[in-house]
Amino acid sequence: MDRGMNKVVLIKRRTRYEELKKRYNTVEQARFYIEHLGADFSDYEREDRTYNEALENIRNLIRPCARLQEIDREYLPNMIFGKDDIVIAVGQDGLVANAMKYLDGQPLIGVNPDPARWDGVLLPFETGDIGKVLPKVINGSFDMKNVTMGKVETKDGQVLYAVNDFFIGVSNHTSARYNITYRDHIENQSSSGVIVSTGFGMTGWHKSVMAEFRGIAKAFGLGTVPEIQGDWGARQLTFQVREPYPSRFTQADIVYGNIIGDEQLVITSNMSENGVVFSDGIIEDTIDFNAGMQIRVGVSDRIGKLVIG
């Protein structure tokens, strides 16, 4: 196959073995630390070996079809993708979500490098499948799922996207203080922060918060709280306020709701310091959210494209 102008960006991440080696400088020191805790260091070695063998096999399948560029997950916030790039993420589900938030319509292929270790809900392909699916993506004859993203905009022009969810609150364990506006209702709140989830992210942080709601409802005999299934492609977000605290100066009525279509959730910070907004668990890519900063949260026009066949 003529490679032409096709370019594939291969996204990888450090294994646990590599992280330990970086932390302790040598393999021997890392081994001593793990085995001193009674764990099996050979499992870290097997995982690393399997992952790197998968990467090498994928490289060999890409090169006959396209130009290859590799990038580590940590450099994603600074990566500029070409509009015709094809992106392959090799790792766990979180790597697929981390990669998608920085894309603007480029097709994303999720590869499970170790099916015996990871289920891979967002990883429909194994290493050997790349030889079949990549030519289909290059020729435009592939199947995909659209994934709706969330978007945060600030008054000073900063923008942040989310594939799974946003966290709006403080970077430590103190209370977040802010004004929240939802469908013409305004409240002054103090809480542990606000979670805004996409349909794609309803099995993430949203599910964890809902588990707490179900437990409380059961304890008080209030019946069951239904499990909400997220539609990946729906133009809708869902927000939850974590542990809202009602007082003389704060309210706790706006604690859950949907942001549909062109609606926006408006939040203004009342925190002097440590206020943050981040998405998909990537704390390194953060918007400072301190006193006077206002954000608008809504559905993004940017759509993720996950290759499924």
C-alpha atoms as a PDB file:
ATOM      1  CA  MET A   1       0.000   0.000   0.000  1.00  0.00           C
ATOM      2  CA  ASP A   2       1.237   3.463  -0.927  1.00  0.00           C
ATOM      3  CA  ARG A   3       1.697   5.385   2.311  1.00  0.00           C
ATOM      4  CA  GLY A   4       1.129   8.714   0.548  1.00  0.00           C
ATOM      5  CA  MET A   5       0.335  11.484   3.016  1.00  0.00           C
ATOM      6  CA  ASN A   6      -1.308   9.190   5.568  1.00  0.00           C
ATOM      7  CA  LYS A   7      -0.021   9.756   9.097  1.00  0.00           C
ATOM      8  CA  VAL A   8      -0.744   7.626  12.134  1.00  0.00           C
ATOM      9  CA  VAL A   9      -0.142   9.010  15.616  1.00  0.00           C
ATOM     10  CA  LEU A  10       0.552   6.185  18.066  1.00  0.00           C
ATOM     11  CA  ILE A  11      -0.253   7.142  21.661  1.00  0.00           C
ATOM     12  CA  LYS A  12       1.332   5.133  24.445  1.00  0.00           C
ATOM     13  CA  ARG A  13       1.923   5.475  28.162  1.00  0.00           C
ATOM     14  CA  ARG A  14       4.510   4.339  30.670  1.00  0.00           C
ATOM     15  CA  THR A  15       3.882   0.963  32.276  1.00  0.00           C
ATOM     16  CA  ARG A  16       3.947   0.422  36.037  1.00  0.00           C
ATOM     17  CA  TYR A  17       7.416  -1.096  35.572  1.00  0.00           C
ATOM     18  CA  GLU A  18       8.657   2.045  33.801  1.00  0.00           C
ATOM     19  CA  GLU A  19       7.085   4.300  36.431  1.00  0.00           C
ATOM     20  CA  LEU A  20       8.835   2.366  39.214  1.00  0.00           C
ATOM     21  CA  LYS A  21      12.152   2.446  37.389  1.00  0.00           C
ATOM     22  CA  LYS A  22      11.815   6.202  36.960  1.00  0.00           C
ATOM     23  CA  ARG A  23      10.926   6.666  40.625  1.00  0.00           C
ATOM     24  CA  TYR A  24      13.697   4.472  42.073  1.00  0.00           C
ATOM     25  CA  ASN A  25      16.358   5.072  39.380  1.00  0.00           C
ATOM     26  CA  THR A  26      17.234   1.387  38.861  1.00  0.00           C
ATOM     27  CA  VAL A  27      15.333  -1.861  38.336  1.00  0.00           C
ATOM     28  CA  GLU A  28      17.094  -3.415  41.334  1.00  0.00           C
ATOM     29  CA  GLN A  29      15.889  -0.687  43.694  1.00  0.00           C
ATOM     30  CA  ALA A  30      12.365  -0.926  42.287  1.00  0.00           C
ATOM     31  CA  ARG A  31      12.402  -4.705  42.733  1.00  0.00           C
ATOM     32  CA  PHE A  32      13.585  -4.372  46.329  1.00  0.00           C
ATOM     33  CA  TYR A  33      10.788  -1.915  47.130  1.00  0.00           C
ATOM     34  CA  ILE A  34       8.022  -4.081  45.628  1.00  0.00           C
ATOM     35  CA  GLU A  35       9.256  -7.365  47.070  1.00  0.00           C
ATOM     36  CA  HIS A  36       9.824  -5.744  50.469  1.00  0.00           C
ATOM     37  CA  LEU A  37       6.073  -5.031  50.470  1.00  0.00           C
ATOM     38  CA  GLY A  38       5.395  -8.687  49.701  1.00  0.00           C
ATOM     39  CA  ALA A  39       4.268  -8.120  46.103  1.00  0.00           C
ATOM     40  CA  ASP A  40       5.339 -10.006  42.979  1.00  0.00           C
ATOM     41  CA  PHE A  41       7.703  -7.846  40.921  1.00  0.00           C
ATOM     42  CA  SER A  42       7.652 -10.361  38.071  1.00  0.00           C
ATOM     43  CA  ASP A  43       4.059  -9.343  37.358  1.00  0.00           C
ATOM     44  CA  TYR A  44       5.263  -5.803  36.637  1.00  0.00           C
ATOM     45  CA  GLU A  45       7.917  -7.220  34.322  1.00  0.00           C
ATOM     46  CA  ARG A  46       5.411  -9.409  32.456  1.00  0.00           C
ATOM     47  CA  GLU A  47       3.031  -6.483  31.983  1.00  0.00           C
ATOM     48  CA  ASP A  48       5.847  -4.302  30.653  1.00  0.00           C
ATOM     49  CA  ARG A  49       7.102  -7.015  28.290  1.00  0.00           C
ATOM     50  CA  THR A  50       3.629  -7.717  26.909  1.00  0.00           C
ATOM     51  CA  TYR A  51       2.915  -4.028  26.396  1.00  0.00           C
ATOM     52  CA  ASN A  52       6.149  -3.287  24.578  1.00  0.00           C
ATOM     53  CA  GLU A  53       5.813  -6.366  22.384  1.00  0.00           C
ATOM     54  CA  ALA A  54       2.342  -5.151  21.415  1.00  0.00           C
ATOM     55  CA  LEU A  55       3.711  -1.693  20.579  1.00  0.00           C
ATOM     56  CA  GLU A  56       6.425  -3.172  18.360  1.00  0.00           C
ATOM     57  CA  ASN A  57       3.915  -5.387  16.535  1.00  0.00           C
ATOM     58  CA  ILE A  58       1.651  -2.400  15.943  1.00  0.00           C
ATOM     59  CA  ARG A  59       4.551  -0.316  14.637  1.00  0.00           C
ATOM     60  CA  ASN A  60       5.339  -3.055  12.133  1.00  0.00           C
ATOM     61  CA  LEU A  61       1.714  -3.122  10.969  1.00  0.00           C
ATOM     62  CA  ILE A  62       1.517   0.667  10.601  1.00  0.00           C
ATOM     63  CA  ARG A  63       4.721   1.319   8.655  1.00  0.00           C
ATOM     64  CA  PRO A  64       3.639  -0.315   5.353  1.00  0.00           C
ATOM     65  CA  CYS A  65       0.461   1.809   5.374  1.00  0.00           C
ATOM     66  CA  ALA A  66       1.380   5.215   6.768  1.00  0.00           C
ATOM     67  CA  ARG A  67       3.945   7.517   8.281  1.00  0.00           C
ATOM     68  CA  LEU A  68       4.291   6.902  12.001  1.00  0.00           C
ATOM     69  CA  GLN A  69       4.592   9.384  14.854  1.00  0.00           C
ATOM     70  CA  GLU A  70       4.688   8.309  18.503  1.00  0.00           C
ATOM     71  CA  ILE A  71       3.765  10.346  21.554  1.00  0.00           C
ATOM     72  CA  ASP A  72       3.560   9.607  25.266  1.00  0.00           C
ATOM     73  CA  ARG A  73       0.306  10.373  27.063  1.00  0.00           C
ATOM     74  CA  GLU A  74       1.910  13.094  29.195  1.00  0.00           C
ATOM     75  CA  TYR A  75       2.599  15.227  26.106  1.00  0.00           C
ATOM     76  CA  LEU A  76      -0.971  15.120  24.763  1.00  0.00           C
ATOM     77  CA  PRO A  77      -1.890  18.637  26.011  1.00  0.00           C
ATOM     78  CA  ASN A  78       0.861  20.097  23.804  1.00  0.00           C
ATOM     79  CA  MET A  79       0.263  17.937  20.735  1.00  0.00           C
ATOM     80  CA  ILE A  80      -1.110  19.523  17.558  1.00  0.00           C
ATOM     81  CA  PHE A  81      -2.911  16.905  15.472  1.00  0.00           C
ATOM     82  CA  GLY A  82      -3.336  17.236  11.725  1.00  0.00           C
ATOM     83  CA  LYS A  83      -6.910  17.224  10.460  1.00  0.00           C
ATOM     84  CA  ASP A  84      -6.288  14.006   8.470  1.00  0.00           C
ATOM     85  CA  ASP A  85      -4.339  12.160  11.153  1.00  0.00           C
ATOM     86  CA  ILE A  86      -5.403   8.703  12.288  1.00  0.00           C
ATOM     87  CA  VAL A  87      -4.848   8.120  15.997  1.00  0.00           C
ATOM     88  CA  ILE A  88      -4.181   4.774  17.693  1.00  0.00           C
ATOM     89  CA  ALA A  89      -4.217   4.585  21.498  1.00  0.00           C
ATOM     90  CA  VAL A  90      -2.576   1.484  22.981  1.00  0.00           C
ATOM     91  CA  GLY A  91      -3.371   0.951  26.642  1.00  0.00           C
ATOM     92  CA  GLN A  92      -6.353   0.924  28.965  1.00  0.00           C
ATOM     93  CA  ASP A  93      -9.730   2.628  28.503  1.00  0.00           C
ATOM     94  CA  GLY A  94      -8.522   5.792  30.223  1.00  0.00           C
ATOM     95  CA  LEU A  95      -5.922   6.366  27.528  1.00  0.00           C
ATOM     96  CA  VAL A  96      -8.641   6.384  24.855  1.00  0.00           C
ATOM     97  CA  ALA A  97     -10.602   9.054  26.747  1.00  0.00           C
ATOM     98  CA  ASN A  98      -7.431  11.066  27.426  1.00  0.00           C
ATOM     99  CA  ALA A  99      -6.563  11.049  23.722  1.00  0.00           C
ATOM    100  CA  MET A 100     -10.047  11.816  22.402  1.00  0.00           C
ATOM    101  CA  LYS A 101     -10.402  15.101  24.290  1.00  0.00           C
ATOM    102  CA  TYR A 102      -7.525  16.571  22.263  1.00  0.00           C
ATOM    103  CA  LEU A 103      -8.923  15.463  18.889  1.00  0.00           C
ATOM    104  CA  ASP A 104     -11.247  17.336  16.580  1.00  0.00           C
ATOM    105  CA  GLY A 105     -12.931  14.693  14.448  1.00  0.00           C
ATOM    106  CA  GLN A 106      -9.882  12.523  13.755  1.00  0.00           C
ATOM    107  CA  PRO A 107     -10.728   8.790  13.952  1.00  0.00           C
ATOM    108  CA  LEU A 108      -9.447   7.086  17.100  1.00  0.00           C
ATOM    109  CA  ILE A 109      -8.609   3.377  17.261  1.00  0.00           C
ATOM    110  CA  GLY A 110      -8.396   1.832  20.728  1.00  0.00           C
ATOM    111  CA  VAL A 111      -6.136  -1.225  21.015  1.00  0.00           C
ATOM    112  CA  ASN A 112      -6.057  -3.612  23.956  1.00  0.00           C
ATOM    113  CA  PRO A 113      -2.416  -4.742  24.257  1.00  0.00           C
ATOM    114  CA  ASP A 114      -3.107  -7.266  27.034  1.00  0.00           C
ATOM    115  CA  PRO A 115      -6.631  -8.807  26.851  1.00  0.00           C
ATOM    116  CA  ALA A 116      -5.806 -11.274  29.616  1.00  0.00           C
ATOM    117  CA  ARG A 117      -5.250  -8.346  31.990  1.00  0.00           C
ATOM    118  CA  TRP A 118      -7.729  -5.659  30.839  1.00  0.00           C
ATOM    119  CA  ASP A 119     -11.366  -5.937  29.754  1.00  0.00           C
ATOM    120  CA  GLY A 120     -11.126  -2.844  27.552  1.00  0.00           C
ATOM    121  CA  VAL A 121     -14.670  -1.547  27.081  1.00  0.00           C
ATOM    122  CA  LEU A 122     -13.304   1.179  24.782  1.00  0.00           C
ATOM    123  CA  LEU A 123     -10.687  -1.098  23.220  1.00  0.00           C
ATOM    124  CA  PRO A 124     -12.497  -3.100  20.523  1.00  0.00           C
ATOM    125  CA  PHE A 125      -9.283  -4.195  18.822  1.00  0.00           C
ATOM    126  CA  GLU A 126      -6.338  -6.390  19.700  1.00  0.00           C
ATOM    127  CA  THR A 127      -2.811  -5.960  18.375  1.00  0.00           C
ATOM    128  CA  GLY A 128      -3.179  -8.165  15.312  1.00  0.00           C
ATOM    129  CA  ASP A 129      -6.381  -6.413  14.198  1.00  0.00           C
ATOM    130  CA  ILE A 130      -4.506  -3.274  13.150  1.00  0.00           C
ATOM    131  CA  GLY A 131      -3.439  -4.895   9.881  1.00  0.00           C
ATOM    132  CA  LYS A 132      -7.121  -5.150   8.923  1.00  0.00           C
ATOM    133  CA  VAL A 133      -8.710  -2.072  10.465  1.00  0.00           C
ATOM    134  CA  LEU A 134      -6.064   0.535   9.572  1.00  0.00           C
ATOM    135  CA  PRO A 135      -6.486   0.161   5.767  1.00  0.00           C
ATOM    136  CA  LYS A 136     -10.262   0.521   6.258  1.00  0.00           C
ATOM    137  CA  VAL A 137      -9.780   3.764   8.197  1.00  0.00           C
ATOM    138  CA  ILE A 138      -7.364   5.075   5.563  1.00  0.00           C
ATOM    139  CA  ASN A 139      -9.900   4.280   2.827  1.00  0.00           C
ATOM    140  CA  GLY A 140     -12.795   5.758   4.816  1.00  0.00           C
ATOM    141  CA  SER A 141     -14.753   2.495   4.896  1.00  0.00           C
ATOM    142  CA  PHE A 142     -14.799   2.011   8.665  1.00  0.00           C
ATOM    143  CA  ASP A 143     -17.602   1.940  11.246  1.00  0.00           C
ATOM    144  CA  MET A 144     -17.511   4.341  14.181  1.00  0.00           C
ATOM    145  CA  LYS A 145     -19.417   5.647  17.181  1.00  0.00           C
ATOM    146  CA  ASN A 146     -19.861   9.366  17.757  1.00  0.00           C
ATOM    147  CA  VAL A 147     -18.989  10.568  21.255  1.00  0.00           C
ATOM    148  CA  THR A 148     -20.397  13.870  22.552  1.00  0.00           C
ATOM    149  CA  MET A 149     -17.893  15.964  24.511  1.00  0.00           C
ATOM    150  CA  GLY A 150     -18.380  18.616  27.163  1.00  0.00           C
ATOM    151  CA  LYS A 151     -16.884  22.085  26.971  1.00  0.00           C
ATOM    152  CA  VAL A 152     -15.901  24.663  29.588  1.00  0.00           C
ATOM    153  CA  GLU A 153     -15.305  28.269  28.554  1.00  0.00           C
ATOM    154  CA  THR A 154     -14.021  31.097  30.723  1.00  0.00           C
ATOM    155  CA  LYS A 155     -14.574  34.824  30.344  1.00  0.00           C
ATOM    156  CA  ASP A 156     -10.915  35.321  29.452  1.00  0.00           C
ATOM    157  CA  GLY A 157     -11.065  32.839  26.554  1.00  0.00           C
ATOM    158  CA  GLN A 158      -9.743  29.621  28.073  1.00  0.00           C
ATOM    159  CA  VAL A 159     -11.356  26.421  26.787  1.00  0.00           C
ATOM    160  CA  LEU A 160     -11.271  22.877  28.169  1.00  0.00           C
ATOM    161  CA  TYR A 161     -12.947  19.777  26.717  1.00  0.00           C
ATOM    162  CA  ALA A 162     -14.053  16.561  28.430  1.00  0.00           C
ATOM    163  CA  VAL A 163     -14.780  13.096  27.099  1.00  0.00           C
ATOM    164  CA  ASN A 164     -15.792  11.636  30.479  1.00  0.00           C
ATOM    165  CA  ASP A 165     -16.319  14.410  33.013  1.00  0.00           C
ATOM    166  CA  PHE A 166     -15.298  17.749  34.496  1.00  0.00           C
ATOM    167  CA  PHE A 167     -14.406  18.382  38.111  1.00  0.00           C
ATOM    168  CA  ILE A 168     -15.069  21.917  39.363  1.00  0.00           C
ATOM    169  CA  GLY A 169     -13.912  22.616  42.901  1.00  0.00           C
ATOM    170  CA  VAL A 170     -10.730  22.840  44.958  1.00  0.00           C
ATOM    171  CA  SER A 171      -7.429  21.039  44.582  1.00  0.00           C
ATOM    172  CA  ASN A 172      -7.337  20.018  48.256  1.00  0.00           C
ATOM    173  CA  HIS A 173      -9.969  18.755  50.683  1.00  0.00           C
ATOM    174  CA  THR A 174     -11.395  22.116  51.739  1.00  0.00           C
ATOM    175  CA  SER A 175     -14.862  23.248  50.674  1.00  0.00           C
ATOM    176  CA  ALA A 176     -15.482  24.780  47.288  1.00  0.00           C
ATOM    177  CA  ARG A 177     -17.441  28.044  47.373  1.00  0.00           C
ATOM    178  CA  TYR A 178     -19.206  29.395  44.297  1.00  0.00           C
ATOM    179  CA  ASN A 179     -22.430  30.682  42.782  1.00  0.00           C
ATOM    180  CA  ILE A 180     -24.241  28.276  40.473  1.00  0.00           C
ATOM    181  CA  THR A 181     -26.864  29.243  37.874  1.00  0.00           C
ATOM    182  CA  TYR A 182     -29.076  26.581  36.299  1.00  0.00           C
ATOM    183  CA  ARG A 183     -32.169  27.350  34.204  1.00  0.00           C
ATOM    184  CA  ASP A 184     -32.543  30.858  35.653  1.00  0.00           C
ATOM    185  CA  HIS A 185     -32.163  29.667  39.256  1.00  0.00           C
ATOM    186  CA  ILE A 186     -29.153  30.922  41.237  1.00  0.00           C
ATOM    187  CA  GLU A 187     -27.647  29.569  44.443  1.00  0.00           C
ATOM    188  CA  ASN A 188     -24.668  30.364  46.611  1.00  0.00           C
ATOM    189  CA  GLN A 189     -23.141  26.973  47.440  1.00  0.00           C
ATOM    190  CA  SER A 190     -20.472  25.321  49.551  1.00  0.00           C
ATOM    191  CA  SER A 191     -19.666  21.735  48.583  1.00  0.00           C
ATOM    192  CA  SER A 192     -16.988  19.191  47.749  1.00  0.00           C
ATOM    193  CA  GLY A 193     -17.224  20.261  44.117  1.00  0.00           C
ATOM    194  CA  VAL A 194     -19.359  19.784  41.020  1.00  0.00           C
ATOM    195  CA  ILE A 195     -19.069  16.803  38.650  1.00  0.00           C
ATOM    196  CA  VAL A 196     -20.325  17.243  35.072  1.00  0.00           C
ATOM    197  CA  SER A 197     -20.475  14.002  33.063  1.00  0.00           C
ATOM    198  CA  THR A 198     -20.995  13.217  29.400  1.00  0.00           C
ATOM    199  CA  GLY A 199     -23.061  10.241  28.239  1.00  0.00           C
ATOM    200  CA  PHE A 200     -19.764   8.490  27.573  1.00  0.00           C
ATOM    201  CA  GLY A 201     -18.671   9.162  31.153  1.00  0.00           C
ATOM    202  CA  MET A 202     -21.811   7.981  32.956  1.00  0.00           C
ATOM    203  CA  THR A 203     -20.011   4.810  34.030  1.00  0.00           C
ATOM    204  CA  GLY A 204     -17.189   6.846  35.608  1.00  0.00           C
ATOM    205  CA  TRP A 205     -17.342   9.418  38.385  1.00  0.00           C
ATOM    206  CA  HIS A 206     -21.108   9.800  37.909  1.00  0.00           C
ATOM    207  CA  LYS A 207     -21.642   6.125  38.739  1.00  0.00           C
ATOM    208  CA  SER A 208     -19.592   6.477  41.907  1.00  0.00           C
ATOM    209  CA  VAL A 209     -21.637   9.432  43.165  1.00  0.00           C
ATOM    210  CA  MET A 210     -24.901   7.665  42.288  1.00  0.00           C
ATOM    211  CA  ALA A 211     -23.803   4.635  44.306  1.00  0.00           C
ATOM    212  CA  GLU A 212     -23.714   6.892  47.374  1.00  0.00           C
ATOM    213  CA  PHE A 213     -27.204   8.200  46.585  1.00  0.00           C
ATOM    214  CA  ARG A 214     -28.522   4.635  46.303  1.00  0.00           C
ATOM    215  CA  GLY A 215     -26.973   3.627  49.602  1.00  0.00           C
ATOM    216  CA  ILE A 216     -28.512   6.605  51.407  1.00  0.00           C
ATOM    217  CA  ALA A 217     -31.924   6.029  49.802  1.00  0.00           C
ATOM    218  CA  LYS A 218     -31.833   2.397  50.883  1.00  0.00           C
ATOM    219  CA  ALA A 219     -30.805   3.287  54.432  1.00  0.00           C
ATOM    220  CA  PHE A 220     -33.776   5.671  54.762  1.00  0.00           C
ATOM    221  CA  GLY A 221     -36.223   3.304  53.101  1.00  0.00           C
ATOM    222  CA  LEU A 222     -36.828   5.625  50.163  1.00  0.00           C
ATOM    223  CA  GLY A 223     -36.883   2.949  47.496  1.00  0.00           C
ATOM    224  CA  THR A 224     -34.496   2.356  44.620  1.00  0.00           C
ATOM    225  CA  VAL A 225     -32.681   4.981  42.560  1.00  0.00           C
ATOM    226  CA  PRO A 226     -32.684   3.929  38.881  1.00  0.00           C
ATOM    227  CA  GLU A 227     -29.444   3.205  37.051  1.00  0.00           C
ATOM    228  CA  ILE A 228     -29.102   5.781  34.275  1.00  0.00           C
ATOM    229  CA  GLN A 229     -27.610   4.569  31.015  1.00  0.00           C
ATOM    230  CA  GLY A 230     -25.652   7.173  29.078  1.00  0.00           C
ATOM    231  CA  ASP A 231     -26.064   7.676  25.340  1.00  0.00           C
ATOM    232  CA  TRP A 232     -22.565   8.367  23.987  1.00  0.00           C
ATOM    233  CA  GLY A 233     -23.846  10.500  21.142  1.00  0.00           C
ATOM    234  CA  ALA A 234     -26.618  12.436  22.909  1.00  0.00           C
ATOM    235  CA  ARG A 235     -26.177  16.215  23.128  1.00  0.00           C
ATOM    236  CA  GLN A 236     -26.575  16.136  26.878  1.00  0.00           C
ATOM    237  CA  LEU A 237     -24.478  16.441  30.027  1.00  0.00           C
ATOM    238  CA  THR A 238     -25.395  15.579  33.618  1.00  0.00           C
ATOM    239  CA  PHE A 239     -24.161  17.489  36.666  1.00  0.00           C
ATOM    240  CA  GLN A 240     -24.015  16.488  40.344  1.00  0.00           C
ATOM    241  CA  VAL A 241     -23.043  18.575  43.355  1.00  0.00           C
ATOM    242  CA  ARG A 242     -20.980  16.569  45.820  1.00  0.00           C
ATOM    243  CA  GLU A 243     -21.868  16.951  49.501  1.00  0.00           C
ATOM    244  CA  PRO A 244     -23.612  20.366  49.313  1.00  0.00           C
ATOM    245  CA  TYR A 245     -23.750  22.118  52.686  1.00  0.00           C
ATOM    246  CA  PRO A 246     -26.850  24.224  53.511  1.00  0.00           C
ATOM    247  CA  SER A 247     -26.323  27.092  55.931  1.00  0.00           C
ATOM    248  CA  ARG A 248     -27.440  30.661  56.589  1.00  0.00           C
ATOM    249  CA  PHE A 249     -25.460  31.791  53.544  1.00  0.00           C
ATOM    250  CA  THR A 250     -25.499  28.709  51.303  1.00  0.00           C
ATOM    251  CA  GLN A 251     -28.244  26.666  49.667  1.00  0.00           C
ATOM    252  CA  ALA A 252     -28.501  23.065  48.465  1.00  0.00           C
ATOM    253  CA  ASP A 253     -31.419  22.798  46.051  1.00  0.00           C
ATOM    254  CA  ILE A 254     -29.549  22.789  42.729  1.00  0.00           C
ATOM    255  CA  VAL A 255     -27.727  19.493  43.198  1.00  0.00           C
ATOM    256  CA  TYR A 256     -28.527  17.439  40.082  1.00  0.00           C
ATOM    257  CA  GLY A 257     -29.650  18.173  36.555  1.00  0.00           C
ATOM    258  CA  ASN A 258     -29.175  17.792  32.819  1.00  0.00           C
ATOM    259  CA  ILE A 259     -27.597  20.286  30.430  1.00  0.00           C
ATOM    260  CA  ILE A 260     -29.328  19.679  27.110  1.00  0.00           C
ATOM    261  CA  GLY A 261     -28.530  21.013  23.652  1.00  0.00           C
ATOM    262  CA  ASP A 262     -27.464  24.646  23.868  1.00  0.00           C
ATOM    263  CA  GLU A 263     -28.126  25.010  27.605  1.00  0.00           C
ATOM    264  CA  GLN A 264     -25.283  26.086  29.876  1.00  0.00           C
ATOM    265  CA  LEU A 265     -24.447  25.702  33.539  1.00  0.00           C
ATOM    266  CA  VAL A 266     -22.840  28.909  34.830  1.00  0.00           C
ATOM    267  CA  ILE A 267     -20.570  28.796  37.873  1.00  0.00           C
ATOM    268  CA  THR A 268     -18.696  31.734  39.442  1.00  0.00           C
ATOM    269  CA  SER A 269     -15.907  31.111  41.928  1.00  0.00           C
ATOM    270  CA  ASN A 270     -15.901  32.620  45.414  1.00  0.00           C
ATOM    271  CA  MET A 271     -12.604  30.959  46.367  1.00  0.00           C
ATOM    272  CA  SER A 272      -9.516  33.021  47.073  1.00  0.00           C
ATOM    273  CA  GLU A 273      -7.147  30.198  46.077  1.00  0.00           C
ATOM    274  CA  ASN A 274      -6.855  26.539  45.045  1.00  0.00           C
ATOM    275  CA  GLY A 275      -9.925  26.590  42.796  1.00  0.00           C
ATOM    276  CA  VAL A 276      -9.569  24.302  39.763  1.00  0.00           C
ATOM    277  CA  VAL A 277     -11.381  22.955  36.745  1.00  0.00           C
ATOM    278  CA  PHE A 278      -9.994  19.819  35.110  1.00  0.00           C
ATOM    279  CA  SER A 279     -11.354  17.043  32.940  1.00  0.00           C
ATOM    280  CA  ASP A 280     -10.962  13.290  32.570  1.00  0.00           C
ATOM    281  CA  GLY A 281      -8.658  13.072  35.564  1.00  0.00           C
ATOM    282  CA  ILE A 282      -5.827  15.009  33.898  1.00  0.00           C
ATOM    283  CA  ILE A 283      -4.872  17.406  36.681  1.00  0.00           C
ATOM    284  CA  GLU A 284      -1.873  18.658  34.691  1.00  0.00           C
ATOM    285  CA  ASP A 285      -4.254  20.361  32.237  1.00  0.00           C
ATOM    286  CA  THR A 286      -6.114  22.641  34.642  1.00  0.00           C
ATOM    287  CA  ILE A 287      -7.945  25.962  34.557  1.00  0.00           C
ATOM    288  CA  ASP A 288      -7.448  28.038  37.690  1.00  0.00           C
ATOM    289  CA  PHE A 289     -10.870  28.788  39.180  1.00  0.00           C
ATOM    290  CA  ASN A 290     -10.400  31.478  41.801  1.00  0.00           C
ATOM    291  CA  ALA A 291     -12.352  34.518  43.004  1.00  0.00           C
ATOM    292  CA  GLY A 292     -14.377  36.217  40.281  1.00  0.00           C
ATOM    293  CA  MET A 293     -13.669  33.613  37.583  1.00  0.00           C
ATOM    294  CA  GLN A 294     -16.831  32.570  35.743  1.00  0.00           C
ATOM    295  CA  ILE A 295     -17.170  29.444  33.626  1.00  0.00           C
ATOM    296  CA  ARG A 296     -19.891  28.251  31.279  1.00  0.00           C
ATOM    297  CA  VAL A 297     -20.335  24.488  30.948  1.00  0.00           C
ATOM    298  CA  GLY A 298     -22.179  23.023  27.976  1.00  0.00           C
ATOM    299  CA  VAL A 299     -22.226  20.504  25.171  1.00  0.00           C
ATOM    300  CA  SER A 300     -19.353  20.931  22.727  1.00  0.00           C
ATOM    301  CA  ASP A 301     -19.693  21.016  18.956  1.00  0.00           C
ATOM    302  CA  ARG A 302     -16.530  18.895  18.882  1.00  0.00           C
ATOM    303  CA  ILE A 303     -17.418  15.238  18.353  1.00  0.00           C
ATOM    304  CA  GLY A 304     -15.209  12.266  19.158  1.00  0.00           C
ATOM    305  CA  LYS A 305     -15.028   9.439  16.599  1.00  0.00           C
ATOM    306  CA  LEU A 306     -14.272   6.011  18.050  1.00  0.00           C
ATOM    307  CA  VAL A 307     -13.537   3.355  15.422  1.00  0.00           C
ATOM    308  CA  ILE A 308     -15.456   0.130  16.090  1.00  0.00           C
ATOM    309  CA  GLY A 309     -14.985  -1.831  12.874  1.00  0.00           C
END
